């Protein structure tokens, strides 16, 4: 299934890739040139289409369990200071998404959205240490049975648009679609210090399905 965020991009890509073919045909370009271009164009178009794929996912998680909010690779699991909402120490799990990953963002846990804020910013590479505070990003806090959980969508060097669908007051389920980030980015999850961390650096979680942490009862 193709995500709704991709309809305009896919149409634009198709138009841009078709135009040179029309011109080459009109001006009677060499057959091998046209064939070579078509091969390249089909590959490029397929890459654009696959980026906006939106596979069905089913989260099997208890009220205190968190699923990965996105596909990708776990690049950081560490104790950090969260300055925007908690103003204190939290455990952070950071998942990096390459352009080949599914870029749908999903709620990591069941609960109610109590905070959602968009921050304009720069477009440093997503693995840059300062990208979480300097890049374009959105911050969302979900009040769950185990307490508040914060996750942050962070744009990367290629990404130029973050979409967030949930607003304060929204009730979300674990694995439910809550946003989308274009073309390579990162999602950080901030958890209470006593959370049981199941993810480890190097893991390749599946968004909306892979369990990454378990909270204590609040």
N, C-alpha and C. Protein backbone atom coordinates (compact mmCIF):
# COMPACT_ATOMS: atom_id res chain seq x y z
N UNK A 1 0.85 -1.20 0.00
CA UNK A 1 0.00 0.00 0.00
C UNK A 1 0.88 1.25 0.00
N UNK A 2 0.50 2.25 -0.78
CA UNK A 2 1.26 3.50 -0.86
C UNK A 2 0.69 4.52 0.12
N UNK A 3 1.57 5.17 0.85
CA UNK A 3 1.15 6.16 1.84
C UNK A 3 0.62 7.41 1.15
N UNK A 4 -0.36 8.04 1.76
CA UNK A 4 -0.97 9.24 1.17
C UNK A 4 0.04 10.37 1.02
N UNK A 5 1.09 10.40 1.84
CA UNK A 5 2.11 11.44 1.74
C UNK A 5 2.87 11.36 0.42
N UNK A 6 2.82 10.19 -0.23
CA UNK A 6 3.63 10.00 -1.42
C UNK A 6 2.95 10.31 -2.74
N UNK A 7 1.65 10.54 -2.72
CA UNK A 7 0.93 10.71 -3.98
C UNK A 7 1.48 11.84 -4.84
N UNK A 8 1.70 13.00 -4.23
CA UNK A 8 2.20 14.14 -5.00
C UNK A 8 3.63 13.88 -5.48
N UNK A 9 4.47 13.33 -4.61
CA UNK A 9 5.86 13.07 -4.97
C UNK A 9 5.96 12.04 -6.09
N UNK A 10 5.12 11.01 -6.02
CA UNK A 10 5.15 9.98 -7.06
C UNK A 10 4.68 10.54 -8.40
N UNK A 11 3.65 11.36 -8.38
CA UNK A 11 3.17 11.99 -9.62
C UNK A 11 4.24 12.92 -10.19
N UNK A 12 4.90 13.70 -9.33
CA UNK A 12 5.95 14.61 -9.79
C UNK A 12 7.12 13.83 -10.39
N UNK A 13 7.50 12.74 -9.72
CA UNK A 13 8.61 11.92 -10.22
C UNK A 13 8.26 11.33 -11.58
N UNK A 14 7.04 10.84 -11.72
CA UNK A 14 6.61 10.26 -12.99
C UNK A 14 6.65 11.30 -14.10
N UNK A 15 6.19 12.51 -13.80
CA UNK A 15 6.18 13.59 -14.79
C UNK A 15 7.59 13.97 -15.20
N UNK A 16 8.47 14.15 -14.22
CA UNK A 16 9.85 14.56 -14.50
C UNK A 16 10.62 13.49 -15.27
N UNK A 17 10.35 12.24 -14.96
CA UNK A 17 11.06 11.15 -15.64
C UNK A 17 10.49 10.90 -17.04
N UNK A 18 9.22 11.19 -17.24
CA UNK A 18 8.59 10.96 -18.54
C UNK A 18 8.98 12.04 -19.55
N UNK A 19 9.22 13.26 -19.08
CA UNK A 19 9.51 14.38 -19.98
C UNK A 19 10.73 14.12 -20.86
N UNK A 20 11.88 13.73 -20.31
CA UNK A 20 13.04 13.46 -21.17
C UNK A 20 12.77 12.37 -22.21
N UNK A 21 12.00 11.35 -21.81
CA UNK A 21 11.67 10.28 -22.75
C UNK A 21 10.86 10.83 -23.93
N UNK A 22 9.90 11.69 -23.63
CA UNK A 22 9.08 12.29 -24.69
C UNK A 22 9.96 13.12 -25.63
N UNK A 23 10.88 13.89 -25.05
CA UNK A 23 11.76 14.73 -25.87
C UNK A 23 12.70 13.89 -26.72
N UNK A 24 13.26 12.83 -26.13
CA UNK A 24 14.16 11.97 -26.90
C UNK A 24 13.43 11.29 -28.05
N UNK A 25 12.20 10.88 -27.80
CA UNK A 25 11.41 10.25 -28.85
C UNK A 25 11.07 11.25 -29.95
N UNK A 26 10.73 12.46 -29.55
CA UNK A 26 10.35 13.50 -30.51
C UNK A 26 11.52 13.86 -31.42
N UNK A 27 12.73 13.92 -30.84
CA UNK A 27 13.90 14.31 -31.62
C UNK A 27 14.67 13.10 -32.17
N UNK A 28 14.04 11.94 -32.16
CA UNK A 28 14.61 10.73 -32.75
C UNK A 28 15.99 10.38 -32.20
N UNK A 29 16.10 10.34 -30.90
CA UNK A 29 17.37 9.95 -30.27
C UNK A 29 17.68 8.50 -30.60
N UNK A 30 18.95 8.12 -30.46
CA UNK A 30 19.36 6.76 -30.74
C UNK A 30 18.60 5.77 -29.85
N UNK A 31 18.28 4.63 -30.42
CA UNK A 31 17.47 3.64 -29.70
C UNK A 31 18.14 3.20 -28.40
N UNK A 32 19.47 3.01 -28.43
CA UNK A 32 20.15 2.54 -27.21
C UNK A 32 20.13 3.60 -26.12
N UNK A 33 20.13 4.88 -26.53
CA UNK A 33 20.07 5.98 -25.56
C UNK A 33 18.70 5.97 -24.87
N UNK A 34 17.65 5.80 -25.67
CA UNK A 34 16.30 5.76 -25.10
C UNK A 34 16.14 4.56 -24.17
N UNK A 35 16.66 3.41 -24.62
CA UNK A 35 16.55 2.20 -23.79
C UNK A 35 17.29 2.36 -22.47
N UNK A 36 18.50 2.91 -22.54
CA UNK A 36 19.30 3.12 -21.32
C UNK A 36 18.58 4.07 -20.37
N UNK A 37 18.01 5.13 -20.95
CA UNK A 37 17.30 6.09 -20.10
C UNK A 37 16.09 5.44 -19.44
N UNK A 38 15.35 4.63 -20.19
CA UNK A 38 14.17 3.98 -19.63
C UNK A 38 14.54 3.07 -18.46
N UNK A 39 15.66 2.36 -18.59
CA UNK A 39 16.10 1.48 -17.51
C UNK A 39 16.39 2.29 -16.25
N UNK A 40 17.13 3.39 -16.42
CA UNK A 40 17.47 4.25 -15.28
C UNK A 40 16.20 4.88 -14.70
N UNK A 41 15.31 5.34 -15.57
CA UNK A 41 14.08 6.00 -15.11
C UNK A 41 13.20 5.04 -14.32
N UNK A 42 13.08 3.81 -14.79
CA UNK A 42 12.26 2.82 -14.08
C UNK A 42 12.84 2.53 -12.70
N UNK A 43 14.17 2.41 -12.61
CA UNK A 43 14.82 2.16 -11.32
C UNK A 43 14.57 3.32 -10.36
N UNK A 44 14.75 4.55 -10.85
CA UNK A 44 14.54 5.73 -10.01
C UNK A 44 13.09 5.83 -9.55
N UNK A 45 12.18 5.56 -10.46
CA UNK A 45 10.76 5.64 -10.11
C UNK A 45 10.41 4.57 -9.07
N UNK A 46 10.97 3.39 -9.23
CA UNK A 46 10.71 2.31 -8.27
C UNK A 46 11.23 2.68 -6.89
N UNK A 47 12.37 3.36 -6.83
CA UNK A 47 12.92 3.79 -5.54
C UNK A 47 12.00 4.80 -4.86
N UNK A 48 11.45 5.72 -5.65
CA UNK A 48 10.53 6.71 -5.08
C UNK A 48 9.27 6.03 -4.55
N UNK A 49 8.73 5.10 -5.33
CA UNK A 49 7.51 4.40 -4.92
C UNK A 49 7.75 3.59 -3.65
N UNK A 50 8.87 2.86 -3.59
CA UNK A 50 9.12 2.02 -2.42
C UNK A 50 9.34 2.83 -1.16
N UNK A 51 9.84 4.07 -1.31
CA UNK A 51 10.03 4.91 -0.14
C UNK A 51 8.71 5.21 0.54
N UNK A 52 7.65 5.35 -0.23
CA UNK A 52 6.35 5.72 0.33
C UNK A 52 5.45 4.51 0.61
N UNK A 53 6.02 3.34 0.65
CA UNK A 53 5.22 2.16 0.96
C UNK A 53 4.74 2.22 2.41
N UNK A 54 3.58 1.64 2.65
CA UNK A 54 2.98 1.68 3.99
C UNK A 54 2.40 0.30 4.31
N UNK A 55 3.25 -0.64 4.72
CA UNK A 55 2.77 -2.00 5.00
C UNK A 55 1.89 -2.05 6.24
N UNK A 56 0.95 -2.97 6.23
CA UNK A 56 0.09 -3.16 7.41
C UNK A 56 0.91 -3.79 8.53
N UNK A 57 0.77 -3.25 9.72
CA UNK A 57 1.49 -3.76 10.87
C UNK A 57 0.51 -4.02 12.01
N UNK A 58 0.75 -5.06 12.78
CA UNK A 58 -0.10 -5.39 13.92
C UNK A 58 0.75 -5.43 15.18
N UNK A 59 0.50 -4.51 16.09
CA UNK A 59 1.26 -4.45 17.33
C UNK A 59 0.67 -5.40 18.36
N UNK A 60 1.51 -6.27 18.90
CA UNK A 60 1.10 -7.15 20.00
C UNK A 60 1.89 -6.71 21.22
N UNK A 61 1.29 -5.84 22.01
CA UNK A 61 2.00 -5.26 23.15
C UNK A 61 1.04 -4.99 24.29
N UNK A 62 1.51 -5.21 25.51
CA UNK A 62 0.72 -4.88 26.68
C UNK A 62 0.74 -3.39 26.93
N UNK A 63 -0.04 -2.92 27.89
CA UNK A 63 -0.15 -1.49 28.15
C UNK A 63 1.16 -0.87 28.63
N UNK A 64 2.06 -1.69 29.15
CA UNK A 64 3.34 -1.18 29.65
C UNK A 64 4.48 -1.44 28.68
N UNK A 65 4.17 -2.03 27.54
CA UNK A 65 5.22 -2.38 26.58
C UNK A 65 5.25 -1.39 25.42
N UNK A 66 6.47 -1.10 24.95
CA UNK A 66 6.65 -0.17 23.83
C UNK A 66 7.12 -0.91 22.60
N UNK A 67 6.53 -0.56 21.46
CA UNK A 67 6.99 -1.08 20.18
C UNK A 67 7.82 -0.01 19.49
N UNK A 68 8.66 -0.42 18.56
CA UNK A 68 9.46 0.54 17.81
C UNK A 68 8.55 1.50 17.06
N UNK A 69 8.81 2.81 17.14
CA UNK A 69 7.97 3.78 16.43
C UNK A 69 8.28 3.87 14.94
N UNK A 70 9.36 3.21 14.51
CA UNK A 70 9.74 3.27 13.10
C UNK A 70 10.66 2.11 12.76
N UNK A 71 10.73 1.80 11.46
CA UNK A 71 11.72 0.84 10.98
C UNK A 71 13.09 1.51 11.01
N UNK A 72 14.14 0.73 11.08
CA UNK A 72 15.47 1.32 11.03
C UNK A 72 16.48 0.53 11.83
N UNK A 73 17.50 1.24 12.29
CA UNK A 73 18.57 0.63 13.07
C UNK A 73 18.75 1.38 14.38
N UNK A 74 18.83 0.66 15.48
CA UNK A 74 19.08 1.28 16.78
C UNK A 74 20.54 1.73 16.83
N UNK A 75 20.75 3.04 16.96
CA UNK A 75 22.11 3.57 16.95
C UNK A 75 22.55 4.10 18.32
N UNK A 76 21.58 4.36 19.21
CA UNK A 76 21.93 4.87 20.54
C UNK A 76 20.98 4.27 21.57
N UNK A 77 21.53 3.81 22.68
CA UNK A 77 20.77 3.45 23.87
C UNK A 77 21.58 3.98 25.04
N UNK A 78 21.13 5.09 25.64
CA UNK A 78 21.93 5.70 26.70
C UNK A 78 21.09 6.62 27.58
N UNK A 79 21.68 6.99 28.71
CA UNK A 79 21.06 7.94 29.62
C UNK A 79 21.39 9.35 29.13
N UNK A 80 20.37 10.20 29.03
CA UNK A 80 20.57 11.57 28.56
C UNK A 80 19.75 12.54 29.40
N UNK A 81 19.98 13.81 29.18
CA UNK A 81 19.15 14.85 29.78
C UNK A 81 18.16 15.33 28.73
N UNK A 82 16.88 15.27 29.03
CA UNK A 82 15.84 15.72 28.09
C UNK A 82 15.42 17.13 28.50
N UNK A 83 15.76 18.16 27.69
CA UNK A 83 15.58 19.55 28.11
C UNK A 83 14.24 20.20 27.78
N UNK A 84 13.46 19.60 26.89
CA UNK A 84 12.25 20.28 26.42
C UNK A 84 11.03 20.06 27.31
N UNK A 85 10.80 18.84 27.72
CA UNK A 85 9.58 18.52 28.46
C UNK A 85 9.86 18.01 29.87
N UNK A 86 10.73 17.04 30.00
CA UNK A 86 11.01 16.44 31.31
C UNK A 86 12.01 17.25 32.13
N UNK A 87 12.93 17.94 31.44
CA UNK A 87 13.97 18.72 32.12
C UNK A 87 14.72 17.86 33.14
N UNK A 88 15.07 16.68 32.71
CA UNK A 88 15.78 15.77 33.61
C UNK A 88 16.28 14.55 32.87
N UNK A 89 16.81 13.60 33.61
CA UNK A 89 17.42 12.41 33.03
C UNK A 89 16.36 11.42 32.54
N UNK A 90 16.64 10.86 31.39
CA UNK A 90 15.79 9.83 30.81
C UNK A 90 16.67 8.83 30.06
N UNK A 91 16.14 7.64 29.86
CA UNK A 91 16.79 6.68 28.97
C UNK A 91 16.31 6.95 27.56
N UNK A 92 17.24 7.03 26.62
CA UNK A 92 16.89 7.33 25.23
C UNK A 92 17.26 6.16 24.32
N UNK A 93 16.33 5.82 23.46
CA UNK A 93 16.58 4.86 22.38
C UNK A 93 16.45 5.63 21.07
N UNK A 94 17.47 5.59 20.24
CA UNK A 94 17.45 6.33 18.98
C UNK A 94 17.48 5.36 17.80
N UNK A 95 16.52 5.53 16.89
CA UNK A 95 16.41 4.67 15.71
C UNK A 95 16.66 5.50 14.46
N UNK A 96 17.68 5.12 13.69
CA UNK A 96 18.01 5.83 12.45
C UNK A 96 17.33 5.14 11.27
N UNK A 97 16.69 5.94 10.43
CA UNK A 97 16.02 5.42 9.24
C UNK A 97 16.78 5.83 7.99
N UNK A 98 17.18 4.86 7.19
CA UNK A 98 17.82 5.16 5.91
C UNK A 98 16.72 5.42 4.89
N UNK A 99 17.06 6.00 3.73
CA UNK A 99 16.03 6.23 2.71
C UNK A 99 15.33 4.96 2.24
N UNK A 100 15.91 3.79 2.51
CA UNK A 100 15.30 2.53 2.07
C UNK A 100 14.30 1.98 3.08
N UNK A 101 14.26 2.54 4.28
CA UNK A 101 13.33 2.07 5.30
C UNK A 101 11.93 2.63 5.09
N UNK A 102 10.93 1.95 5.64
CA UNK A 102 9.57 2.51 5.71
C UNK A 102 9.64 3.72 6.63
N UNK A 103 9.06 4.85 6.21
CA UNK A 103 9.19 6.09 6.97
C UNK A 103 7.92 6.52 7.70
N UNK A 104 6.99 5.60 7.85
CA UNK A 104 5.81 5.86 8.67
C UNK A 104 6.25 5.88 10.13
N UNK A 105 5.76 6.86 10.90
CA UNK A 105 6.04 6.92 12.33
C UNK A 105 4.80 6.41 13.07
N UNK A 106 5.04 5.52 14.05
CA UNK A 106 3.94 4.90 14.78
C UNK A 106 4.04 5.18 16.28
N UNK A 107 2.91 5.20 16.95
CA UNK A 107 2.92 5.41 18.39
C UNK A 107 3.62 4.24 19.06
N UNK A 108 4.57 4.51 19.95
CA UNK A 108 5.27 3.40 20.61
C UNK A 108 4.46 2.72 21.70
N UNK A 109 3.40 3.38 22.18
CA UNK A 109 2.66 2.84 23.32
C UNK A 109 1.22 3.35 23.32
N UNK A 110 0.35 2.63 23.98
CA UNK A 110 -1.05 3.05 24.12
C UNK A 110 -1.15 4.18 25.14
N UNK A 111 -1.95 5.20 24.83
CA UNK A 111 -2.13 6.28 25.79
C UNK A 111 -2.78 7.50 25.16
N UNK A 112 -2.65 8.63 25.83
CA UNK A 112 -3.24 9.89 25.37
C UNK A 112 -2.14 10.90 25.11
N UNK A 113 -2.20 11.55 23.96
CA UNK A 113 -1.22 12.58 23.63
C UNK A 113 -1.48 13.80 24.50
N UNK A 114 -0.48 14.21 25.27
CA UNK A 114 -0.64 15.36 26.16
C UNK A 114 0.21 16.55 25.73
N UNK A 115 1.10 16.32 24.75
CA UNK A 115 1.99 17.40 24.30
C UNK A 115 2.43 17.08 22.88
N UNK A 116 2.36 18.08 22.00
CA UNK A 116 2.84 17.91 20.63
C UNK A 116 3.30 19.27 20.12
N UNK A 117 4.55 19.34 19.68
CA UNK A 117 5.09 20.62 19.24
C UNK A 117 6.04 20.44 18.07
N UNK A 118 5.89 21.32 17.07
CA UNK A 118 6.78 21.32 15.91
C UNK A 118 7.87 22.37 16.11
N UNK A 119 9.11 22.00 15.75
CA UNK A 119 10.24 22.92 15.86
C UNK A 119 10.91 23.05 14.49
N UNK A 120 10.92 24.24 13.89
CA UNK A 120 11.70 24.40 12.66
C UNK A 120 13.18 24.31 13.02
N UNK A 121 14.01 24.02 12.06
CA UNK A 121 15.44 23.92 12.38
C UNK A 121 16.29 23.62 11.18
N UNK A 122 17.51 23.15 11.45
CA UNK A 122 18.47 22.86 10.40
C UNK A 122 18.24 21.46 9.85
N UNK A 123 19.13 21.06 8.94
CA UNK A 123 19.04 19.72 8.35
C UNK A 123 20.41 19.05 8.39
N UNK A 124 20.93 18.92 9.62
CA UNK A 124 22.17 18.18 9.81
C UNK A 124 21.91 16.71 9.55
N UNK A 125 22.96 15.94 9.28
CA UNK A 125 22.76 14.51 9.10
C UNK A 125 22.13 13.95 10.37
N UNK A 126 21.24 12.98 10.22
CA UNK A 126 20.42 12.52 11.35
C UNK A 126 21.24 11.92 12.48
N UNK A 127 22.46 11.42 12.18
CA UNK A 127 23.27 10.82 13.25
C UNK A 127 24.15 11.84 13.96
N UNK A 128 24.08 13.12 13.54
CA UNK A 128 24.86 14.17 14.20
C UNK A 128 24.37 14.33 15.64
N UNK A 129 25.29 14.45 16.62
CA UNK A 129 24.89 14.55 18.04
C UNK A 129 23.92 15.70 18.33
N UNK A 130 24.01 16.79 17.55
CA UNK A 130 23.16 17.94 17.82
C UNK A 130 21.88 17.96 16.98
N UNK A 131 21.67 16.93 16.17
CA UNK A 131 20.48 16.93 15.31
C UNK A 131 19.19 16.90 16.12
N UNK A 132 19.22 16.28 17.31
CA UNK A 132 17.99 16.17 18.11
C UNK A 132 17.55 17.50 18.70
N UNK A 133 18.45 18.49 18.74
CA UNK A 133 18.09 19.80 19.29
C UNK A 133 18.18 20.92 18.26
N UNK A 134 18.82 20.67 17.11
CA UNK A 134 19.02 21.73 16.13
C UNK A 134 18.25 21.51 14.83
N UNK A 135 17.92 20.26 14.51
CA UNK A 135 17.22 19.98 13.26
C UNK A 135 15.72 20.25 13.35
N UNK A 136 15.08 20.32 12.19
CA UNK A 136 13.62 20.35 12.16
C UNK A 136 13.13 19.09 12.86
N UNK A 137 12.12 19.23 13.73
CA UNK A 137 11.69 18.08 14.52
C UNK A 137 10.30 18.31 15.11
N UNK A 138 9.68 17.25 15.56
CA UNK A 138 8.45 17.35 16.33
C UNK A 138 8.63 16.54 17.60
N UNK A 139 8.05 17.03 18.68
CA UNK A 139 8.12 16.34 19.96
C UNK A 139 6.71 15.97 20.39
N UNK A 140 6.52 14.71 20.76
CA UNK A 140 5.21 14.22 21.18
C UNK A 140 5.36 13.49 22.51
N UNK A 141 4.46 13.78 23.44
CA UNK A 141 4.45 13.08 24.73
C UNK A 141 3.13 12.35 24.88
N UNK A 142 3.21 11.06 25.19
CA UNK A 142 2.03 10.22 25.39
C UNK A 142 1.96 9.81 26.86
N UNK A 143 0.84 10.09 27.49
CA UNK A 143 0.63 9.66 28.87
C UNK A 143 0.09 8.23 28.84
N UNK A 144 0.89 7.32 29.37
CA UNK A 144 0.51 5.90 29.34
C UNK A 144 0.27 5.39 30.76
N UNK A 145 -0.12 4.13 30.86
CA UNK A 145 -0.32 3.51 32.17
C UNK A 145 0.97 3.53 33.00
N UNK A 146 2.10 3.48 32.30
CA UNK A 146 3.39 3.49 32.99
C UNK A 146 4.02 4.85 33.11
N UNK A 147 3.24 5.90 32.80
CA UNK A 147 3.77 7.26 32.89
C UNK A 147 4.00 7.86 31.51
N UNK A 148 4.50 9.10 31.44
CA UNK A 148 4.69 9.77 30.16
C UNK A 148 5.88 9.22 29.37
N UNK A 149 5.67 9.09 28.07
CA UNK A 149 6.72 8.66 27.14
C UNK A 149 6.84 9.72 26.06
N UNK A 150 8.05 10.14 25.77
CA UNK A 150 8.28 11.16 24.75
C UNK A 150 8.95 10.53 23.55
N UNK A 151 8.47 10.87 22.36
CA UNK A 151 9.22 10.48 21.16
C UNK A 151 9.34 11.69 20.25
N UNK A 152 10.45 11.72 19.52
CA UNK A 152 10.77 12.90 18.71
C UNK A 152 11.11 12.47 17.29
N UNK A 153 10.38 13.04 16.32
CA UNK A 153 10.69 12.84 14.91
C UNK A 153 11.74 13.88 14.53
N UNK A 154 12.84 13.45 13.95
CA UNK A 154 13.93 14.36 13.62
C UNK A 154 14.25 14.26 12.13
N UNK A 155 14.19 15.38 11.43
CA UNK A 155 14.52 15.40 10.01
C UNK A 155 16.02 15.24 9.83
N UNK A 156 16.43 14.62 8.73
CA UNK A 156 17.85 14.44 8.44
C UNK A 156 18.32 15.42 7.38
N UNK A 157 19.49 15.13 6.79
CA UNK A 157 20.06 16.02 5.78
C UNK A 157 19.24 16.01 4.50
N UNK A 158 18.60 14.87 4.21
CA UNK A 158 17.80 14.75 2.99
C UNK A 158 16.34 15.10 3.26
N UNK A 159 15.86 14.72 4.43
CA UNK A 159 14.45 14.98 4.77
C UNK A 159 14.16 16.47 4.79
N UNK A 160 13.03 16.84 4.27
CA UNK A 160 12.64 18.25 4.25
C UNK A 160 11.20 18.46 4.70
N UNK A 161 10.61 17.41 5.22
CA UNK A 161 9.23 17.56 5.68
C UNK A 161 8.88 16.50 6.70
N UNK A 162 8.33 16.95 7.81
CA UNK A 162 7.84 16.05 8.84
C UNK A 162 6.33 16.26 8.96
N UNK A 163 5.58 15.19 8.94
CA UNK A 163 4.14 15.28 9.14
C UNK A 163 3.79 14.61 10.46
N UNK A 164 2.96 15.29 11.25
CA UNK A 164 2.49 14.73 12.51
C UNK A 164 0.97 14.81 12.52
N UNK A 165 0.30 13.68 12.73
CA UNK A 165 -1.15 13.63 12.66
C UNK A 165 -1.83 13.71 14.03
N UNK A 166 -1.14 13.32 15.08
CA UNK A 166 -1.74 13.32 16.42
C UNK A 166 -1.62 14.69 17.08
N UNK A 167 -2.64 15.05 17.83
CA UNK A 167 -2.66 16.33 18.55
C UNK A 167 -2.96 16.07 20.02
N UNK A 168 -2.67 17.05 20.89
CA UNK A 168 -3.02 16.87 22.30
C UNK A 168 -4.48 16.47 22.46
N UNK A 169 -4.71 15.45 23.24
CA UNK A 169 -6.06 14.93 23.43
C UNK A 169 -6.34 13.68 22.62
N UNK A 170 -5.51 13.42 21.60
CA UNK A 170 -5.69 12.22 20.79
C UNK A 170 -5.39 10.97 21.61
N UNK A 171 -6.24 9.97 21.49
CA UNK A 171 -6.00 8.68 22.14
C UNK A 171 -5.40 7.75 21.09
N UNK A 172 -4.23 7.19 21.37
CA UNK A 172 -3.53 6.38 20.39
C UNK A 172 -3.28 4.97 20.93
N UNK A 173 -3.15 4.04 20.00
CA UNK A 173 -2.81 2.66 20.34
C UNK A 173 -1.35 2.40 19.98
N UNK A 174 -0.75 1.43 20.61
CA UNK A 174 0.61 1.04 20.25
C UNK A 174 0.63 0.58 18.79
N UNK A 175 1.54 1.14 18.01
CA UNK A 175 1.65 0.77 16.61
C UNK A 175 0.79 1.58 15.67
N UNK A 176 -0.06 2.45 16.21
CA UNK A 176 -0.94 3.28 15.37
C UNK A 176 -0.12 4.34 14.63
N UNK A 177 -0.46 4.58 13.38
CA UNK A 177 0.24 5.58 12.58
C UNK A 177 -0.01 6.98 13.14
N UNK A 178 1.07 7.71 13.40
CA UNK A 178 0.93 9.06 13.95
C UNK A 178 1.69 10.11 13.14
N UNK A 179 2.48 9.69 12.15
CA UNK A 179 3.22 10.67 11.38
C UNK A 179 4.03 10.05 10.26
N UNK A 180 4.80 10.91 9.59
CA UNK A 180 5.61 10.48 8.46
C UNK A 180 6.79 11.44 8.32
N UNK A 181 7.96 10.89 8.00
CA UNK A 181 9.14 11.72 7.74
C UNK A 181 9.69 11.33 6.38
N UNK A 182 10.08 12.32 5.59
CA UNK A 182 10.55 12.03 4.24
C UNK A 182 12.07 11.84 4.17
N UNK A 183 12.46 10.81 3.44
CA UNK A 183 13.83 10.61 2.95
C UNK A 183 14.96 10.62 3.98
N UNK A 184 14.97 9.69 4.88
CA UNK A 184 16.10 9.52 5.78
C UNK A 184 16.01 10.40 7.00
N UNK A 185 15.96 9.83 8.18
CA UNK A 185 15.71 10.64 9.37
C UNK A 185 15.94 9.79 10.62
N UNK A 186 15.39 10.25 11.75
CA UNK A 186 15.64 9.57 13.01
C UNK A 186 14.45 9.76 13.94
N UNK A 187 14.23 8.78 14.82
CA UNK A 187 13.22 8.90 15.87
C UNK A 187 13.88 8.56 17.20
N UNK A 188 13.74 9.46 18.18
CA UNK A 188 14.27 9.24 19.52
C UNK A 188 13.10 8.99 20.48
N UNK A 189 13.26 8.04 21.38
CA UNK A 189 12.25 7.74 22.39
C UNK A 189 12.86 7.94 23.76
N UNK A 190 12.19 8.70 24.63
CA UNK A 190 12.69 8.99 25.98
C UNK A 190 11.81 8.30 27.01
N UNK A 191 12.45 7.50 27.85
CA UNK A 191 11.73 6.65 28.80
C UNK A 191 12.17 6.92 30.24
N UNK A 192 11.33 6.55 31.21
CA UNK A 192 11.73 6.68 32.62
C UNK A 192 13.02 5.90 32.88
N UNK A 193 13.78 6.34 33.87
CA UNK A 193 15.07 5.71 34.17
C UNK A 193 14.93 4.25 34.59
N UNK A 194 13.77 3.89 35.15
CA UNK A 194 13.61 2.51 35.61
C UNK A 194 12.98 1.59 34.56
N UNK A 195 12.84 2.09 33.33
CA UNK A 195 12.27 1.26 32.27
C UNK A 195 13.21 0.10 31.94
N UNK A 196 12.62 -1.03 31.59
CA UNK A 196 13.42 -2.17 31.15
C UNK A 196 13.67 -2.02 29.65
N UNK A 197 14.92 -1.82 29.26
CA UNK A 197 15.26 -1.60 27.86
C UNK A 197 15.50 -2.95 27.19
N UNK A 198 14.74 -3.23 26.16
CA UNK A 198 14.86 -4.49 25.43
C UNK A 198 15.69 -4.34 24.17
N UNK A 199 15.75 -3.12 23.63
CA UNK A 199 16.51 -2.87 22.41
C UNK A 199 17.99 -2.69 22.74
N UNK A 200 18.82 -2.99 21.77
CA UNK A 200 20.26 -2.75 21.94
C UNK A 200 20.82 -2.19 20.63
N UNK A 201 21.95 -1.50 20.74
CA UNK A 201 22.57 -0.90 19.57
C UNK A 201 22.87 -1.98 18.52
N UNK A 202 22.50 -1.68 17.29
CA UNK A 202 22.70 -2.63 16.20
C UNK A 202 21.45 -3.38 15.81
N UNK A 203 20.43 -3.35 16.67
CA UNK A 203 19.16 -4.01 16.34
C UNK A 203 18.50 -3.33 15.14
N UNK A 204 17.70 -4.09 14.40
CA UNK A 204 16.93 -3.55 13.27
C UNK A 204 15.45 -3.80 13.52
N UNK A 205 14.83 -2.95 14.34
CA UNK A 205 13.43 -3.16 14.70
C UNK A 205 12.46 -2.89 13.55
N UNK A 206 11.31 -3.53 13.64
CA UNK A 206 10.22 -3.30 12.69
C UNK A 206 9.21 -2.38 13.37
N UNK A 207 8.96 -1.23 12.75
CA UNK A 207 8.05 -0.26 13.34
C UNK A 207 6.67 -0.83 13.58
N UNK A 208 6.15 -0.61 14.79
CA UNK A 208 4.81 -1.07 15.12
C UNK A 208 4.73 -2.52 15.53
N UNK A 209 5.86 -3.23 15.54
CA UNK A 209 5.83 -4.65 15.89
C UNK A 209 6.89 -5.06 16.91
N UNK A 210 8.13 -4.64 16.72
CA UNK A 210 9.22 -5.07 17.59
C UNK A 210 9.15 -4.39 18.96
N UNK A 211 9.16 -5.17 20.03
CA UNK A 211 9.18 -4.60 21.38
C UNK A 211 10.57 -4.04 21.67
N UNK A 212 10.62 -2.81 22.20
CA UNK A 212 11.91 -2.19 22.48
C UNK A 212 12.10 -1.85 23.96
N UNK A 213 11.01 -1.83 24.74
CA UNK A 213 11.13 -1.49 26.16
C UNK A 213 9.87 -1.88 26.91
N UNK A 214 10.00 -1.92 28.23
CA UNK A 214 8.86 -2.23 29.09
C UNK A 214 8.89 -1.30 30.30
N UNK A 215 7.78 -0.64 30.59
CA UNK A 215 7.71 0.31 31.69
C UNK A 215 7.26 -0.37 32.99
N UNK A 216 7.56 0.30 34.10
CA UNK A 216 7.04 -0.13 35.39
C UNK A 216 5.64 0.45 35.56
N UNK A 217 4.82 -0.18 36.34
CA UNK A 217 3.48 0.35 36.62
C UNK A 217 3.61 1.67 37.38
N UNK A 218 2.96 2.72 36.88
CA UNK A 218 3.07 4.04 37.52
C UNK A 218 2.31 4.05 38.84
